[in-house]
Amino acid sequence: MTNLWIEEFEKLSISEQNMFRKCINSILAKTFTISEIYDDATGMMKSNPEYRFIDRNFEIINTYLSYAGWNLLKDRNLGVIYIESEYEYNRLHLNSITTLFIYTLRLLYDEEREKLTLRSTIPVTTYDVVSRLMTFNALKKKPSDKDLSDTFKLLSRFNIIQKLSGEWTEPDCKFIIFPSILMVLPNDSIGRIFSSIQEDPALEEQSNSGEINGVDQVDVDEVDEAESDVIRGEENQ
């Protein structure tokens, strides 16, 4: 099996081998690779070359990652390729405000996608997110600019959102929600996390209500104990 993998890799051109290395590093760092991303230069969405390369070479990349305990998965309908770890310890702990942001983004994604059935990416603003956040009993006050900036930057780093214009802390800052949010917070967790929020008005004071681990989804049963799972990432990152 090892020899077969090496043989397939060596069939790639030098440029393809370089792209292989780039894609491996990218998906390990970000968990999700999206089929279409925003191009700052043109101001338009464009096809992601990393997604196309991984899709074309899915088996060889999956085999390579499997040696390190990673599973490579894809949803072509949504245009998302992502990884899951076979181990429990490769996680990034999230604070409770980030968990609430993820829940809010999922709600906004679902609402807007019903209106735009042909699109998998959903445009929103910081105001949209904050105004929805403030409807939750779990928040006693508007998130600080630091919370907004830190949380949005973190989620952007993992290809859950991408900024289009403005600064994260500005109400009219525009960004898109990627369909990877559906893997982060699956359908069967929506109702349970809502119940947890309603039952725990002090959630915002908890320090660790989520984790990023590829792709461990939001574990709603653990929200009250500040130990739920979200996506993937390197621990202590």
C-alpha atoms as a PDB file:
ATOM      1  CA  MET A   1       0.000   0.000   0.000  1.00  0.00           C
ATOM      2  CA  THR A   2       2.801   2.401   0.873  1.00  0.00           C
ATOM      3  CA  ASN A   3       4.598   1.688  -2.400  1.00  0.00           C
ATOM      4  CA  LEU A   4       1.395   2.204  -4.375  1.00  0.00           C
ATOM      5  CA  TRP A   5       0.879   5.586  -2.705  1.00  0.00           C
ATOM      6  CA  ILE A   6       4.433   6.669  -3.496  1.00  0.00           C
ATOM      7  CA  GLU A   7       4.009   5.523  -7.099  1.00  0.00           C
ATOM      8  CA  GLU A   8       0.880   7.643  -7.499  1.00  0.00           C
ATOM      9  CA  PHE A   9       2.585  10.657  -5.956  1.00  0.00           C
ATOM     10  CA  GLU A  10       5.588  10.321  -8.241  1.00  0.00           C
ATOM     11  CA  LYS A  11       3.306  10.345 -11.270  1.00  0.00           C
ATOM     12  CA  LEU A  12       2.413  13.935 -10.424  1.00  0.00           C
ATOM     13  CA  SER A  13       4.327  16.726 -12.096  1.00  0.00           C
ATOM     14  CA  ILE A  14       6.661  18.921 -10.037  1.00  0.00           C
ATOM     15  CA  SER A  15       4.062  21.679  -9.905  1.00  0.00           C
ATOM     16  CA  GLU A  16       1.379  19.174  -8.866  1.00  0.00           C
ATOM     17  CA  GLN A  17       3.623  17.811  -6.117  1.00  0.00           C
ATOM     18  CA  ASN A  18       4.103  21.351  -4.844  1.00  0.00           C
ATOM     19  CA  MET A  19       0.353  21.889  -4.943  1.00  0.00           C
ATOM     20  CA  PHE A  20      -0.082  18.616  -3.072  1.00  0.00           C
ATOM     21  CA  ARG A  21       2.126  19.906  -0.242  1.00  0.00           C
ATOM     22  CA  LYS A  22       0.317  23.231  -0.189  1.00  0.00           C
ATOM     23  CA  CYS A  23      -3.112  21.607   0.003  1.00  0.00           C
ATOM     24  CA  ILE A  24      -2.064  19.225   2.771  1.00  0.00           C
ATOM     25  CA  ASN A  25      -0.751  22.079   4.900  1.00  0.00           C
ATOM     26  CA  SER A  26      -3.800  24.216   4.156  1.00  0.00           C
ATOM     27  CA  ILE A  27      -6.443  21.671   5.095  1.00  0.00           C
ATOM     28  CA  LEU A  28      -4.566  20.635   8.240  1.00  0.00           C
ATOM     29  CA  ALA A  29      -4.472  24.273   9.314  1.00  0.00           C
ATOM     30  CA  LYS A  30      -8.016  25.205   8.298  1.00  0.00           C
ATOM     31  CA  THR A  31     -10.038  21.952   8.439  1.00  0.00           C
ATOM     32  CA  PHE A  32     -12.284  23.053   5.549  1.00  0.00           C
ATOM     33  CA  THR A  33     -11.551  23.707   1.882  1.00  0.00           C
ATOM     34  CA  ILE A  34     -14.339  25.510   0.044  1.00  0.00           C
ATOM     35  CA  SER A  35     -15.077  25.211  -3.687  1.00  0.00           C
ATOM     36  CA  GLU A  36     -15.632  28.950  -4.181  1.00  0.00           C
ATOM     37  CA  ILE A  37     -13.923  31.790  -2.327  1.00  0.00           C
ATOM     38  CA  TYR A  38     -13.996  35.578  -2.530  1.00  0.00           C
ATOM     39  CA  ASP A  39     -11.227  37.174  -4.579  1.00  0.00           C
ATOM     40  CA  ASP A  40     -10.220  40.586  -3.228  1.00  0.00           C
ATOM     41  CA  ALA A  41      -8.568  41.548  -6.521  1.00  0.00           C
ATOM     42  CA  THR A  42     -11.703  41.147  -8.635  1.00  0.00           C
ATOM     43  CA  GLY A  43     -14.344  41.636  -5.944  1.00  0.00           C
ATOM     44  CA  MET A  44     -16.032  38.436  -7.090  1.00  0.00           C
ATOM     45  CA  MET A  45     -16.352  34.813  -6.064  1.00  0.00           C
ATOM     46  CA  LYS A  46     -13.963  32.483  -7.886  1.00  0.00           C
ATOM     47  CA  SER A  47     -13.262  28.782  -8.103  1.00  0.00           C
ATOM     48  CA  ASN A  48     -10.776  27.642  -5.463  1.00  0.00           C
ATOM     49  CA  PRO A  49      -7.785  25.858  -7.092  1.00  0.00           C
ATOM     50  CA  GLU A  50      -7.024  24.000  -3.854  1.00  0.00           C
ATOM     51  CA  TYR A  51     -10.510  22.511  -3.779  1.00  0.00           C
ATOM     52  CA  ARG A  52     -10.242  21.426  -7.414  1.00  0.00           C
ATOM     53  CA  PHE A  53      -6.850  19.818  -6.834  1.00  0.00           C
ATOM     54  CA  ILE A  54      -7.977  17.901  -3.742  1.00  0.00           C
ATOM     55  CA  ASP A  55     -11.123  16.765  -5.527  1.00  0.00           C
ATOM     56  CA  ARG A  56      -9.101  15.454  -8.493  1.00  0.00           C
ATOM     57  CA  ASN A  57      -6.555  13.727  -6.276  1.00  0.00           C
ATOM     58  CA  PHE A  58      -8.885  12.747  -3.464  1.00  0.00           C
ATOM     59  CA  GLU A  59      -7.759   9.139  -3.038  1.00  0.00           C
ATOM     60  CA  ILE A  60      -4.030   9.817  -2.887  1.00  0.00           C
ATOM     61  CA  ILE A  61      -4.507  12.718  -0.451  1.00  0.00           C
ATOM     62  CA  ASN A  62      -6.875  10.689   1.699  1.00  0.00           C
ATOM     63  CA  THR A  63      -4.381   7.828   1.812  1.00  0.00           C
ATOM     64  CA  TYR A  64      -1.577  10.172   2.815  1.00  0.00           C
ATOM     65  CA  LEU A  65      -3.627  11.760   5.612  1.00  0.00           C
ATOM     66  CA  SER A  66      -4.874   8.403   6.874  1.00  0.00           C
ATOM     67  CA  TYR A  67      -1.362   7.458   7.959  1.00  0.00           C
ATOM     68  CA  ALA A  68      -1.511  10.347  10.445  1.00  0.00           C
ATOM     69  CA  GLY A  69      -5.007   9.489  11.700  1.00  0.00           C
ATOM     70  CA  TRP A  70      -7.038  11.889   9.550  1.00  0.00           C
ATOM     71  CA  ASN A  71     -10.067  11.096   7.382  1.00  0.00           C
ATOM     72  CA  LEU A  72     -10.714  13.211   4.289  1.00  0.00           C
ATOM     73  CA  LEU A  73     -14.392  13.801   3.472  1.00  0.00           C
ATOM     74  CA  LYS A  74     -16.264  15.808   0.865  1.00  0.00           C
ATOM     75  CA  ASP A  75     -19.736  17.059   0.036  1.00  0.00           C
ATOM     76  CA  ARG A  76     -19.812  18.023  -3.632  1.00  0.00           C
ATOM     77  CA  ASN A  77     -23.345  19.407  -3.401  1.00  0.00           C
ATOM     78  CA  LEU A  78     -22.203  21.969  -0.834  1.00  0.00           C
ATOM     79  CA  GLY A  79     -18.707  22.323  -2.263  1.00  0.00           C
ATOM     80  CA  VAL A  80     -16.854  21.470   0.948  1.00  0.00           C
ATOM     81  CA  ILE A  81     -13.910  19.135   1.534  1.00  0.00           C
ATOM     82  CA  TYR A  82     -12.872  18.643   5.143  1.00  0.00           C
ATOM     83  CA  ILE A  83     -10.974  16.452   7.576  1.00  0.00           C
ATOM     84  CA  GLU A  84     -11.879  14.555  10.717  1.00  0.00           C
ATOM     85  CA  SER A  85      -9.390  13.383  13.300  1.00  0.00           C
ATOM     86  CA  GLU A  86      -9.484   9.843  14.665  1.00  0.00           C
ATOM     87  CA  TYR A  87      -8.117  11.107  17.974  1.00  0.00           C
ATOM     88  CA  GLU A  88      -9.713  13.089  20.778  1.00  0.00           C
ATOM     89  CA  TYR A  89      -6.843  15.328  21.815  1.00  0.00           C
ATOM     90  CA  ASN A  90      -6.314  17.392  18.672  1.00  0.00           C
ATOM     91  CA  ARG A  91      -8.717  20.176  19.584  1.00  0.00           C
ATOM     92  CA  LEU A  92      -8.873  23.915  19.997  1.00  0.00           C
ATOM     93  CA  HIS A  93     -10.908  24.996  23.009  1.00  0.00           C
ATOM     94  CA  LEU A  94     -13.443  27.743  22.319  1.00  0.00           C
ATOM     95  CA  ASN A  95     -14.954  30.180  24.774  1.00  0.00           C
ATOM     96  CA  SER A  96     -18.712  30.460  25.177  1.00  0.00           C
ATOM     97  CA  ILE A  97     -19.095  33.620  23.100  1.00  0.00           C
ATOM     98  CA  THR A  98     -17.555  31.831  20.100  1.00  0.00           C
ATOM     99  CA  THR A  99     -20.019  28.976  20.538  1.00  0.00           C
ATOM    100  CA  LEU A 100     -22.868  31.485  20.514  1.00  0.00           C
ATOM    101  CA  PHE A 101     -21.464  33.104  17.377  1.00  0.00           C
ATOM    102  CA  ILE A 102     -21.386  29.733  15.616  1.00  0.00           C
ATOM    103  CA  TYR A 103     -24.971  29.034  16.638  1.00  0.00           C
ATOM    104  CA  THR A 104     -26.033  32.473  15.372  1.00  0.00           C
ATOM    105  CA  LEU A 105     -24.211  32.041  12.067  1.00  0.00           C
ATOM    106  CA  ARG A 106     -25.965  28.722  11.526  1.00  0.00           C
ATOM    107  CA  LEU A 107     -29.368  30.335  12.125  1.00  0.00           C
ATOM    108  CA  LEU A 108     -28.618  33.190   9.739  1.00  0.00           C
ATOM    109  CA  TYR A 109     -27.268  30.755   7.146  1.00  0.00           C
ATOM    110  CA  ASP A 110     -30.452  28.692   7.222  1.00  0.00           C
ATOM    111  CA  GLU A 111     -32.736  31.731   7.041  1.00  0.00           C
ATOM    112  CA  GLU A 112     -30.929  33.377   4.142  1.00  0.00           C
ATOM    113  CA  ARG A 113     -30.394  30.175   2.195  1.00  0.00           C
ATOM    114  CA  GLU A 114     -34.146  29.653   2.038  1.00  0.00           C
ATOM    115  CA  LYS A 115     -34.332  32.906   0.069  1.00  0.00           C
ATOM    116  CA  LEU A 116     -31.288  32.135  -2.108  1.00  0.00           C
ATOM    117  CA  THR A 117     -31.673  28.459  -2.927  1.00  0.00           C
ATOM    118  CA  LEU A 118     -29.090  28.514  -5.718  1.00  0.00           C
ATOM    119  CA  ARG A 119     -26.275  29.784  -3.495  1.00  0.00           C
ATOM    120  CA  SER A 120     -24.248  27.870  -0.934  1.00  0.00           C
ATOM    121  CA  THR A 121     -22.500  30.953   0.484  1.00  0.00           C
ATOM    122  CA  ILE A 122     -24.579  33.472   2.393  1.00  0.00           C
ATOM    123  CA  PRO A 123     -23.739  37.210   2.720  1.00  0.00           C
ATOM    124  CA  VAL A 124     -24.362  38.887   6.096  1.00  0.00           C
ATOM    125  CA  THR A 125     -23.063  41.829   8.128  1.00  0.00           C
ATOM    126  CA  THR A 126     -21.653  42.219  11.615  1.00  0.00           C
ATOM    127  CA  TYR A 127     -24.872  44.021  12.533  1.00  0.00           C
ATOM    128  CA  ASP A 128     -26.898  40.964  11.462  1.00  0.00           C
ATOM    129  CA  VAL A 129     -24.889  38.730  13.781  1.00  0.00           C
ATOM    130  CA  VAL A 130     -24.798  41.069  16.779  1.00  0.00           C
ATOM    131  CA  SER A 131     -28.488  41.943  16.587  1.00  0.00           C
ATOM    132  CA  ARG A 132     -29.365  38.242  16.579  1.00  0.00           C
ATOM    133  CA  LEU A 133     -26.919  37.501  19.386  1.00  0.00           C
ATOM    134  CA  MET A 134     -28.600  40.102  21.570  1.00  0.00           C
ATOM    135  CA  THR A 135     -31.893  38.210  21.384  1.00  0.00           C
ATOM    136  CA  PHE A 136     -30.398  35.357  23.417  1.00  0.00           C
ATOM    137  CA  ASN A 137     -30.905  35.269  27.165  1.00  0.00           C
ATOM    138  CA  ALA A 138     -27.328  34.050  27.450  1.00  0.00           C
ATOM    139  CA  LEU A 139     -25.956  37.520  26.650  1.00  0.00           C
ATOM    140  CA  LYS A 140     -26.336  40.386  29.097  1.00  0.00           C
ATOM    141  CA  LYS A 141     -24.629  42.997  26.920  1.00  0.00           C
ATOM    142  CA  LYS A 142     -23.316  43.576  23.413  1.00  0.00           C
ATOM    143  CA  PRO A 143     -20.045  41.720  22.700  1.00  0.00           C
ATOM    144  CA  SER A 144     -16.980  43.928  22.975  1.00  0.00           C
ATOM    145  CA  ASP A 145     -15.032  44.957  19.890  1.00  0.00           C
ATOM    146  CA  LYS A 146     -12.277  42.581  20.998  1.00  0.00           C
ATOM    147  CA  ASP A 147     -14.724  39.671  21.248  1.00  0.00           C
ATOM    148  CA  LEU A 148     -16.109  40.503  17.809  1.00  0.00           C
ATOM    149  CA  SER A 149     -12.724  40.821  16.172  1.00  0.00           C
ATOM    150  CA  ASP A 150     -11.163  37.774  17.856  1.00  0.00           C
ATOM    151  CA  THR A 151     -14.142  35.527  17.148  1.00  0.00           C
ATOM    152  CA  PHE A 152     -14.608  36.542  13.522  1.00  0.00           C
ATOM    153  CA  LYS A 153     -10.889  36.186  12.823  1.00  0.00           C
ATOM    154  CA  LEU A 154     -10.853  32.714  14.358  1.00  0.00           C
ATOM    155  CA  LEU A 155     -13.835  31.528  12.324  1.00  0.00           C
ATOM    156  CA  SER A 156     -12.344  33.076   9.205  1.00  0.00           C
ATOM    157  CA  ARG A 157      -9.116  31.181   9.792  1.00  0.00           C
ATOM    158  CA  PHE A 158     -11.031  27.910   9.712  1.00  0.00           C
ATOM    159  CA  ASN A 159     -12.916  28.754   6.490  1.00  0.00           C
ATOM    160  CA  ILE A 160     -16.285  29.150   8.158  1.00  0.00           C
ATOM    161  CA  ILE A 161     -16.628  32.790   7.122  1.00  0.00           C
ATOM    162  CA  GLN A 162     -14.716  35.172   4.828  1.00  0.00           C
ATOM    163  CA  LYS A 163     -14.705  38.971   4.982  1.00  0.00           C
ATOM    164  CA  LEU A 164     -15.781  40.916   1.915  1.00  0.00           C
ATOM    165  CA  SER A 165     -15.370  44.510   3.079  1.00  0.00           C
ATOM    166  CA  GLY A 166     -14.929  46.712   6.159  1.00  0.00           C
ATOM    167  CA  GLU A 167     -13.553  45.938   9.588  1.00  0.00           C
ATOM    168  CA  TRP A 168     -14.945  43.109  11.670  1.00  0.00           C
ATOM    169  CA  THR A 169     -16.079  45.493  14.413  1.00  0.00           C
ATOM    170  CA  GLU A 170     -18.015  47.799  12.070  1.00  0.00           C
ATOM    171  CA  PRO A 171     -21.787  47.169  11.897  1.00  0.00           C
ATOM    172  CA  ASP A 172     -21.748  47.321   8.088  1.00  0.00           C
ATOM    173  CA  CYS A 173     -18.786  44.936   7.720  1.00  0.00           C
ATOM    174  CA  LYS A 174     -19.811  42.421   5.041  1.00  0.00           C
ATOM    175  CA  PHE A 175     -18.783  38.782   5.023  1.00  0.00           C
ATOM    176  CA  ILE A 176     -19.993  35.457   3.724  1.00  0.00           C
ATOM    177  CA  ILE A 177     -20.910  32.342   5.671  1.00  0.00           C
ATOM    178  CA  PHE A 178     -19.553  29.209   4.010  1.00  0.00           C
ATOM    179  CA  PRO A 179     -21.543  25.939   3.914  1.00  0.00           C
ATOM    180  CA  SER A 180     -18.916  24.479   6.262  1.00  0.00           C
ATOM    181  CA  ILE A 181     -21.136  25.894   9.038  1.00  0.00           C
ATOM    182  CA  LEU A 182     -23.424  22.918   8.361  1.00  0.00           C
ATOM    183  CA  MET A 183     -20.636  20.512   9.324  1.00  0.00           C
ATOM    184  CA  VAL A 184     -19.707  22.567  12.371  1.00  0.00           C
ATOM    185  CA  LEU A 185     -23.246  22.654  13.739  1.00  0.00           C
ATOM    186  CA  PRO A 186     -25.392  19.862  12.250  1.00  0.00           C
ATOM    187  CA  ASN A 187     -29.192  19.839  12.133  1.00  0.00           C
ATOM    188  CA  ASP A 188     -29.673  17.524  15.089  1.00  0.00           C
ATOM    189  CA  SER A 189     -27.882  19.948  17.409  1.00  0.00           C
ATOM    190  CA  ILE A 190     -29.889  23.104  16.695  1.00  0.00           C
ATOM    191  CA  GLY A 191     -32.791  22.420  19.061  1.00  0.00           C
ATOM    192  CA  ARG A 192     -30.629  21.087  21.842  1.00  0.00           C
ATOM    193  CA  ILE A 193     -28.234  24.016  21.827  1.00  0.00           C
ATOM    194  CA  PHE A 194     -31.199  26.419  21.865  1.00  0.00           C
ATOM    195  CA  SER A 195     -32.520  24.670  24.971  1.00  0.00           C
ATOM    196  CA  SER A 196     -29.118  24.866  26.623  1.00  0.00           C
ATOM    197  CA  ILE A 197     -28.915  28.604  25.943  1.00  0.00           C
ATOM    198  CA  GLN A 198     -32.372  29.224  27.353  1.00  0.00           C
ATOM    199  CA  GLU A 199     -31.674  27.188  30.457  1.00  0.00           C
ATOM    200  CA  ASP A 200     -28.326  28.842  31.215  1.00  0.00           C
ATOM    201  CA  PRO A 201     -28.457  32.668  31.250  1.00  0.00           C
ATOM    202  CA  ALA A 202     -24.891  32.773  32.599  1.00  0.00           C
ATOM    203  CA  LEU A 203     -23.415  31.032  29.572  1.00  0.00           C
ATOM    204  CA  GLU A 204     -21.444  34.116  28.523  1.00  0.00           C
ATOM    205  CA  GLU A 205     -19.424  33.918  31.719  1.00  0.00           C
ATOM    206  CA  GLN A 206     -18.195  30.397  31.040  1.00  0.00           C
ATOM    207  CA  SER A 207     -14.713  30.027  29.649  1.00  0.00           C
ATOM    208  CA  ASN A 208     -14.769  26.859  27.524  1.00  0.00           C
ATOM    209  CA  SER A 209     -18.098  26.075  25.899  1.00  0.00           C
ATOM    210  CA  GLY A 210     -16.718  24.675  22.671  1.00  0.00           C
ATOM    211  CA  GLU A 211     -13.810  23.036  20.927  1.00  0.00           C
ATOM    212  CA  ILE A 212     -12.531  22.961  17.390  1.00  0.00           C
ATOM    213  CA  ASN A 213     -11.592  19.522  16.200  1.00  0.00           C
ATOM    214  CA  GLY A 214     -11.875  18.275  12.668  1.00  0.00           C
ATOM    215  CA  VAL A 215     -14.759  17.878  12.366  1.00  0.00           C
ATOM    216  CA  ASP A 216     -16.152  17.235  15.836  1.00  0.00           C
ATOM    217  CA  GLN A 217     -19.468  19.031  15.865  1.00  0.00           C
ATOM    218  CA  VAL A 218     -21.053  21.103  18.607  1.00  0.00           C
ATOM    219  CA  ASP A 219     -21.740  18.723  21.456  1.00  0.00           C
ATOM    220  CA  VAL A 220     -24.790  20.410  22.943  1.00  0.00           C
ATOM    221  CA  ASP A 221     -25.098  18.072  25.909  1.00  0.00           C
ATOM    222  CA  GLU A 222     -21.844  19.508  27.217  1.00  0.00           C
ATOM    223  CA  VAL A 223     -22.646  23.220  26.829  1.00  0.00           C
ATOM    224  CA  ASP A 224     -23.695  23.664  30.446  1.00  0.00           C
ATOM    225  CA  GLU A 225     -20.390  22.221  31.562  1.00  0.00           C
ATOM    226  CA  ALA A 226     -18.449  24.430  29.129  1.00  0.00           C
ATOM    227  CA  GLU A 227     -16.989  21.463  27.263  1.00  0.00           C
ATOM    228  CA  SER A 228     -18.709  21.178  23.863  1.00  0.00           C
ATOM    229  CA  ASP A 229     -16.973  20.323  20.591  1.00  0.00           C
ATOM    230  CA  VAL A 230     -17.025  22.354  17.425  1.00  0.00           C
ATOM    231  CA  ILE A 231     -14.540  21.875  14.611  1.00  0.00           C
ATOM    232  CA  ARG A 232     -10.885  21.086  14.329  1.00  0.00           C
ATOM    233  CA  GLY A 233      -7.692  22.813  15.062  1.00  0.00           C
ATOM    234  CA  GLU A 234      -4.440  22.432  16.835  1.00  0.00           C
ATOM    235  CA  GLU A 235      -4.790  22.492  20.566  1.00  0.00           C
ATOM    236  CA  ASN A 236      -3.617  25.708  22.213  1.00  0.00           C
ATOM    237  CA  GLN A 237      -3.640  27.459  18.853  1.00  0.00           C
END
